[in-house]
């Protein structure tokens, strides 16, 4: 039990001055926002590529039908 407490004290740090949490919270918020906007950008690009692929597929199918 004492060994567990000692090990936890090595890795856990809870500051008395709670203002030390502010920079970590701001960085966390920044990375969450960057992750959200990156996700939305990837979805938008993926949708655009899927639309282009569908148009190309339709074009190829129409071309195949005219050659038959």
PDB file of N, CA and C in Angstrom:
ATOM      1  N   UNK A   1       0.823  -1.193   0.000  1.00  0.00           N
ATOM      2  CA  UNK A   1       0.000   0.000   0.000  1.00  0.00           C
ATOM      3  C   UNK A   1       0.869   1.260   0.000  1.00  0.00           C
ATOM      4  N   UNK A   2       1.904   1.269   0.807  1.00  0.00           N
ATOM      5  CA  UNK A   2       2.793   2.429   0.870  1.00  0.00           C
ATOM      6  C   UNK A   2       3.567   2.561  -0.437  1.00  0.00           C
ATOM      7  N   UNK A   3       3.954   1.432  -1.020  1.00  0.00           N
ATOM      8  CA  UNK A   3       4.698   1.461  -2.280  1.00  0.00           C
ATOM      9  C   UNK A   3       3.831   2.043  -3.397  1.00  0.00           C
ATOM     10  N   UNK A   4       2.547   1.684  -3.433  1.00  0.00           N
ATOM     11  CA  UNK A   4       1.641   2.230  -4.446  1.00  0.00           C
ATOM     12  C   UNK A   4       1.520   3.749  -4.299  1.00  0.00           C
ATOM     13  N   UNK A   5       1.383   4.213  -3.063  1.00  0.00           N
ATOM     14  CA  UNK A   5       1.262   5.650  -2.820  1.00  0.00           C
ATOM     15  C   UNK A   5       2.523   6.368  -3.289  1.00  0.00           C
ATOM     16  N   UNK A   6       3.681   5.778  -3.011  1.00  0.00           N
ATOM     17  CA  UNK A   6       4.944   6.384  -3.408  1.00  0.00           C
ATOM     18  C   UNK A   6       5.070   6.454  -4.934  1.00  0.00           C
ATOM     19  N   UNK A   7       4.683   5.395  -5.620  1.00  0.00           N
ATOM     20  CA  UNK A   7       4.767   5.366  -7.080  1.00  0.00           C
ATOM     21  C   UNK A   7       3.824   6.415  -7.665  1.00  0.00           C
ATOM     22  N   UNK A   8       2.625   6.538  -7.127  1.00  0.00           N
ATOM     23  CA  UNK A   8       1.687   7.530  -7.627  1.00  0.00           C
ATOM     24  C   UNK A   8       2.209   8.946  -7.396  1.00  0.00           C
ATOM     25  N   UNK A   9       2.897   9.167  -6.313  1.00  0.00           N
ATOM     26  CA  UNK A   9       3.444  10.496  -6.032  1.00  0.00           C
ATOM     27  C   UNK A   9       4.540  10.866  -7.025  1.00  0.00           C
ATOM     28  N   UNK A  10       5.189   9.886  -7.592  1.00  0.00           N
ATOM     29  CA  UNK A  10       6.230  10.166  -8.577  1.00  0.00           C
ATOM     30  C   UNK A  10       5.648  10.711  -9.880  1.00  0.00           C
ATOM     31  N   UNK A  11       4.471  10.235 -10.267  1.00  0.00           N
ATOM     32  CA  UNK A  11       3.910  10.562 -11.569  1.00  0.00           C
ATOM     33  C   UNK A  11       2.767  11.578 -11.519  1.00  0.00           C
ATOM     34  N   UNK A  12       2.106  11.713 -10.392  1.00  0.00           N
ATOM     35  CA  UNK A  12       0.980  12.633 -10.284  1.00  0.00           C
ATOM     36  C   UNK A  12       1.408  13.924  -9.612  1.00  0.00           C
ATOM     37  N   UNK A  13       0.947  15.021 -10.173  1.00  0.00           N
ATOM     38  CA  UNK A  13       1.262  16.331  -9.609  1.00  0.00           C
ATOM     39  C   UNK A  13      -0.013  17.160  -9.629  1.00  0.00           C
ATOM     40  N   UNK A  14      -0.491  17.523  -8.477  1.00  0.00           N
ATOM     41  CA  UNK A  14      -1.673  18.366  -8.358  1.00  0.00           C
ATOM     42  C   UNK A  14      -1.244  19.683  -7.716  1.00  0.00           C
ATOM     43  N   UNK A  15      -1.140  20.736  -8.528  1.00  0.00           N
ATOM     44  CA  UNK A  15      -0.626  22.000  -7.990  1.00  0.00           C
ATOM     45  C   UNK A  15      -1.613  22.665  -7.027  1.00  0.00           C
ATOM     46  N   UNK A  16      -1.058  23.351  -6.065  1.00  0.00           N
ATOM     47  CA  UNK A  16      -1.887  24.119  -5.135  1.00  0.00           C
ATOM     48  C   UNK A  16      -2.497  25.319  -5.851  1.00  0.00           C
ATOM     49  N   UNK A  17      -1.697  25.948  -6.716  1.00  0.00           N
ATOM     50  CA  UNK A  17      -2.170  27.098  -7.477  1.00  0.00           C
ATOM     51  C   UNK A  17      -2.897  26.582  -8.723  1.00  0.00           C
ATOM     52  N   UNK A  18      -4.213  26.675  -8.727  1.00  0.00           N
ATOM     53  CA  UNK A  18      -5.022  26.110  -9.803  1.00  0.00           C
ATOM     54  C   UNK A  18      -4.844  26.848 -11.133  1.00  0.00           C
ATOM     55  N   UNK A  19      -4.201  28.002 -11.132  1.00  0.00           N
ATOM     56  CA  UNK A  19      -3.964  28.716 -12.386  1.00  0.00           C
ATOM     57  C   UNK A  19      -2.961  27.965 -13.269  1.00  0.00           C
ATOM     58  N   UNK A  20      -2.254  27.008 -12.715  1.00  0.00           N
ATOM     59  CA  UNK A  20      -1.331  26.207 -13.514  1.00  0.00           C
ATOM     60  C   UNK A  20      -2.076  25.268 -14.458  1.00  0.00           C
ATOM     61  N   UNK A  21      -3.360  25.058 -14.206  1.00  0.00           N
ATOM     62  CA  UNK A  21      -4.164  24.232 -15.103  1.00  0.00           C
ATOM     63  C   UNK A  21      -4.557  24.985 -16.374  1.00  0.00           C
ATOM     64  N   UNK A  22      -4.546  26.299 -16.353  1.00  0.00           N
ATOM     65  CA  UNK A  22      -5.014  27.111 -17.467  1.00  0.00           C
ATOM     66  C   UNK A  22      -4.234  26.856 -18.773  1.00  0.00           C
ATOM     67  N   UNK A  23      -2.908  26.883 -18.781  1.00  0.00           N
ATOM     68  CA  UNK A  23      -2.199  26.612 -20.052  1.00  0.00           C
ATOM     69  C   UNK A  23      -2.511  25.219 -20.607  1.00  0.00           C
ATOM     70  N   UNK A  24      -2.586  24.229 -19.748  1.00  0.00           N
ATOM     71  CA  UNK A  24      -2.890  22.871 -20.218  1.00  0.00           C
ATOM     72  C   UNK A  24      -4.301  22.818 -20.799  1.00  0.00           C
ATOM     73  N   UNK A  25      -5.233  23.495 -20.165  1.00  0.00           N
ATOM     74  CA  UNK A  25      -6.602  23.530 -20.677  1.00  0.00           C
ATOM     75  C   UNK A  25      -6.694  24.235 -22.013  1.00  0.00           C
ATOM     76  N   UNK A  26      -5.943  25.320 -22.166  1.00  0.00           N
ATOM     77  CA  UNK A  26      -5.947  26.038 -23.438  1.00  0.00           C
ATOM     78  C   UNK A  26      -5.326  25.201 -24.561  1.00  0.00           C
ATOM     79  N   UNK A  27      -4.241  24.516 -24.252  1.00  0.00           N
ATOM     80  CA  UNK A  27      -3.624  23.641 -25.259  1.00  0.00           C
ATOM     81  C   UNK A  27      -4.571  22.506 -25.633  1.00  0.00           C
ATOM     82  N   UNK A  28      -5.243  21.940 -24.650  1.00  0.00           N
ATOM     83  CA  UNK A  28      -6.199  20.875 -24.923  1.00  0.00           C
ATOM     84  C   UNK A  28      -7.316  21.380 -25.825  1.00  0.00           C
ATOM     85  N   UNK A  29      -7.860  22.553 -25.505  1.00  0.00           N
ATOM     86  CA  UNK A  29      -8.913  23.143 -26.321  1.00  0.00           C
ATOM     87  C   UNK A  29      -8.422  23.390 -27.747  1.00  0.00           C
ATOM     88  N   UNK A  30      -7.216  23.901 -27.879  1.00  0.00           N
ATOM     89  CA  UNK A  30      -6.637  24.163 -29.197  1.00  0.00           C
ATOM     90  C   UNK A  30      -6.549  22.874 -30.019  1.00  0.00           C
ATOM     91  N   UNK A  31      -6.036  21.804 -29.416  1.00  0.00           N
ATOM     92  CA  UNK A  31      -5.882  20.559 -30.150  1.00  0.00           C
ATOM     93  C   UNK A  31      -7.225  19.902 -30.464  1.00  0.00           C
ATOM     94  N   UNK A  32      -8.184  20.036 -29.583  1.00  0.00           N
ATOM     95  CA  UNK A  32      -9.524  19.499 -29.873  1.00  0.00           C
ATOM     96  C   UNK A  32     -10.135  20.248 -31.047  1.00  0.00           C
ATOM     97  N   UNK A  33     -10.011  21.565 -31.062  1.00  0.00           N
ATOM     98  CA  UNK A  33     -10.543  22.351 -32.175  1.00  0.00           C
ATOM     99  C   UNK A  33      -9.827  22.016 -33.485  1.00  0.00           C
ATOM    100  N   UNK A  34      -8.502  21.888 -33.438  1.00  0.00           N
ATOM    101  CA  UNK A  34      -7.752  21.531 -34.640  1.00  0.00           C
ATOM    102  C   UNK A  34      -8.176  20.150 -35.143  1.00  0.00           C
ATOM    103  N   UNK A  35      -8.402  19.223 -34.233  1.00  0.00           N
ATOM    104  CA  UNK A  35      -8.846  17.884 -34.610  1.00  0.00           C
ATOM    105  C   UNK A  35     -10.214  17.938 -35.272  1.00  0.00           C
ATOM    106  N   UNK A  36     -11.133  18.718 -34.716  1.00  0.00           N
ATOM    107  CA  UNK A  36     -12.477  18.841 -35.272  1.00  0.00           C
ATOM    108  C   UNK A  36     -12.434  19.422 -36.682  1.00  0.00           C
ATOM    109  N   UNK A  37     -11.703  20.512 -36.867  1.00  0.00           N
ATOM    110  CA  UNK A  37     -11.643  21.142 -38.180  1.00  0.00           C
ATOM    111  C   UNK A  37     -10.913  20.258 -39.198  1.00  0.00           C
ATOM    112  N   UNK A  38      -9.912  19.515 -38.771  1.00  0.00           N
ATOM    113  CA  UNK A  38      -9.232  18.584 -39.662  1.00  0.00           C
ATOM    114  C   UNK A  38     -10.181  17.477 -40.095  1.00  0.00           C
ATOM    115  N   UNK A  39     -10.969  16.961 -39.162  1.00  0.00           N
ATOM    116  CA  UNK A  39     -11.956  15.927 -39.476  1.00  0.00           C
ATOM    117  C   UNK A  39     -12.964  16.445 -40.502  1.00  0.00           C
ATOM    118  N   UNK A  40     -13.495  17.649 -40.273  1.00  0.00           N
ATOM    119  CA  UNK A  40     -14.479  18.216 -41.197  1.00  0.00           C
ATOM    120  C   UNK A  40     -13.855  18.428 -42.584  1.00  0.00           C
ATOM    121  N   UNK A  41     -12.601  18.868 -42.636  1.00  0.00           N
ATOM    122  CA  UNK A  41     -11.913  19.084 -43.903  1.00  0.00           C
ATOM    123  C   UNK A  41     -11.738  17.757 -44.652  1.00  0.00           C
ATOM    124  N   UNK A  42     -11.336  16.704 -43.935  1.00  0.00           N
ATOM    125  CA  UNK A  42     -11.155  15.392 -44.554  1.00  0.00           C
ATOM    126  C   UNK A  42     -12.477  14.868 -45.103  1.00  0.00           C
ATOM    127  N   UNK A  43     -13.570  15.045 -44.355  1.00  0.00           N
ATOM    128  CA  UNK A  43     -14.883  14.602 -44.827  1.00  0.00           C
ATOM    129  C   UNK A  43     -15.275  15.361 -46.090  1.00  0.00           C
ATOM    130  N   UNK A  44     -15.043  16.671 -46.105  1.00  0.00           N
ATOM    131  CA  UNK A  44     -15.403  17.484 -47.266  1.00  0.00           C
ATOM    132  C   UNK A  44     -14.593  17.069 -48.500  1.00  0.00           C
ATOM    133  N   UNK A  45     -13.294  16.870 -48.343  1.00  0.00           N
ATOM    134  CA  UNK A  45     -12.443  16.458 -49.466  1.00  0.00           C
ATOM    135  C   UNK A  45     -12.848  15.064 -49.944  1.00  0.00           C
ATOM    136  N   UNK A  46     -13.139  14.172 -49.007  1.00  0.00           N
ATOM    137  CA  UNK A  46     -13.541  12.823 -49.370  1.00  0.00           C
ATOM    138  C   UNK A  46     -14.845  12.833 -50.162  1.00  0.00           C
ATOM    139  N   UNK A  47     -15.795  13.646 -49.757  1.00  0.00           N
ATOM    140  CA  UNK A  47     -17.067  13.746 -50.468  1.00  0.00           C
ATOM    141  C   UNK A  47     -16.835  14.286 -51.880  1.00  0.00           C
ATOM    142  N   UNK A  48     -16.002  15.298 -51.993  1.00  0.00           N
ATOM    143  CA  UNK A  48     -15.695  15.863 -53.310  1.00  0.00           C
ATOM    144  C   UNK A  48     -15.048  14.810 -54.215  1.00  0.00           C
ATOM    145  N   UNK A  49     -14.123  14.032 -53.673  1.00  0.00           N
ATOM    146  CA  UNK A  49     -13.476  12.990 -54.465  1.00  0.00           C
ATOM    147  C   UNK A  49     -14.464  11.892 -54.861  1.00  0.00           C
ATOM    148  N   UNK A  50     -15.383  11.557 -53.973  1.00  0.00           N
ATOM    149  CA  UNK A  50     -16.394  10.550 -54.290  1.00  0.00           C
ATOM    150  C   UNK A  50     -17.306  11.039 -55.409  1.00  0.00           C
ATOM    151  N   UNK A  51     -17.676  12.313 -55.378  1.00  0.00           N
ATOM    152  CA  UNK A  51     -18.498  12.877 -56.453  1.00  0.00           C
ATOM    153  C   UNK A  51     -17.760  12.853 -57.784  1.00  0.00           C
ATOM    154  N   UNK A  52     -16.483  13.203 -57.768  1.00  0.00           N
ATOM    155  CA  UNK A  52     -15.686  13.174 -58.993  1.00  0.00           C
ATOM    156  C   UNK A  52     -15.553  11.750 -59.530  1.00  0.00           C
ATOM    157  N   UNK A  53     -15.363  10.787 -58.638  1.00  0.00           N
ATOM    158  CA  UNK A  53     -15.248   9.392 -59.058  1.00  0.00           C
ATOM    159  C   UNK A  53     -16.567   8.904 -59.656  1.00  0.00           C
ATOM    160  N   UNK A  54     -17.678   9.317 -59.073  1.00  0.00           N
ATOM    161  CA  UNK A  54     -18.987   8.919 -59.598  1.00  0.00           C
ATOM    162  C   UNK A  54     -19.208   9.509 -60.990  1.00  0.00           C
ATOM    163  N   UNK A  55     -18.835  10.774 -61.182  1.00  0.00           N
ATOM    164  CA  UNK A  55     -18.973  11.396 -62.500  1.00  0.00           C
ATOM    165  C   UNK A  55     -18.091  10.689 -63.526  1.00  0.00           C
ATOM    166  N   UNK A  56     -16.881  10.337 -63.128  1.00  0.00           N
ATOM    167  CA  UNK A  56     -15.975   9.632 -64.028  1.00  0.00           C
ATOM    168  C   UNK A  56     -16.532   8.254 -64.376  1.00  0.00           C
ATOM    169  N   UNK A  57     -17.082   7.576 -63.396  1.00  0.00           N
ATOM    170  CA  UNK A  57     -17.665   6.261 -63.641  1.00  0.00           C
ATOM    171  C   UNK A  57     -18.845   6.362 -64.612  1.00  0.00           C
ATOM    172  N   UNK A  58     -19.705   7.361 -64.411  1.00  0.00           N
ATOM    173  CA  UNK A  58     -20.836   7.555 -65.318  1.00  0.00           C
ATOM    174  C   UNK A  58     -20.357   7.880 -66.731  1.00  0.00           C
ATOM    175  N   UNK A  59     -19.318   8.696 -66.827  1.00  0.00           N
ATOM    176  CA  UNK A  59     -18.757   9.051 -68.128  1.00  0.00           C
ATOM    177  C   UNK A  59     -18.216   7.812 -68.838  1.00  0.00           C
ATOM    178  N   UNK A  60     -17.515   6.949 -68.080  1.00  0.00           N
ATOM    179  CA  UNK A  60     -16.963   5.728 -68.657  1.00  0.00           C
ATOM    180  C   UNK A  60     -18.069   4.774 -69.067  1.00  0.00           C
ATOM    181  N   UNK A  61     -19.135   4.685 -68.270  1.00  0.00           N
ATOM    182  CA  UNK A  61     -20.252   3.807 -68.617  1.00  0.00           C
ATOM    183  C   UNK A  61     -20.963   4.300 -69.858  1.00  0.00           C
ATOM    184  N   UNK A  62     -21.152   5.614 -70.007  1.00  0.00           N
ATOM    185  CA  UNK A  62     -21.775   6.174 -71.202  1.00  0.00           C
ATOM    186  C   UNK A  62     -20.893   5.946 -72.420  1.00  0.00           C
ATOM    187  N   UNK A  63     -19.613   6.055 -72.245  1.00  0.00           N
ATOM    188  CA  UNK A  63     -18.663   5.843 -73.344  1.00  0.00           C
ATOM    189  C   UNK A  63     -18.703   4.388 -73.801  1.00  0.00           C
ATOM    190  N   UNK A  64     -18.810   3.478 -72.831  1.00  0.00           N
ATOM    191  CA  UNK A  64     -18.865   2.051 -73.129  1.00  0.00           C
ATOM    192  C   UNK A  64     -20.153   1.735 -73.898  1.00  0.00           C
ATOM    193  N   UNK A  65     -21.265   2.357 -73.488  1.00  0.00           N
ATOM    194  CA  UNK A  65     -22.552   2.110 -74.148  1.00  0.00           C
ATOM    195  C   UNK A  65     -22.538   2.616 -75.582  1.00  0.00           C
ATOM    196  N   UNK A  66     -21.894   3.719 -75.849  1.00  0.00           N
ATOM    197  CA  UNK A  66     -21.879   4.273 -77.220  1.00  0.00           C
ATOM    198  C   UNK A  66     -20.991   3.458 -78.143  1.00  0.00           C
ATOM    199  N   UNK A  67     -19.986   2.757 -77.598  1.00  0.00           N
ATOM    200  CA  UNK A  67     -19.093   1.958 -78.429  1.00  0.00           C
ATOM    201  C   UNK A  67     -19.657   0.574 -78.731  1.00  0.00           C
ATOM    202  N   UNK A  68     -20.683   0.173 -78.020  1.00  0.00           N
ATOM    203  CA  UNK A  68     -21.255  -1.180 -78.203  1.00  0.00           C
ATOM    204  C   UNK A  68     -22.137  -1.260 -79.405  1.00  0.00           C
TER     205      UNK A  68
END
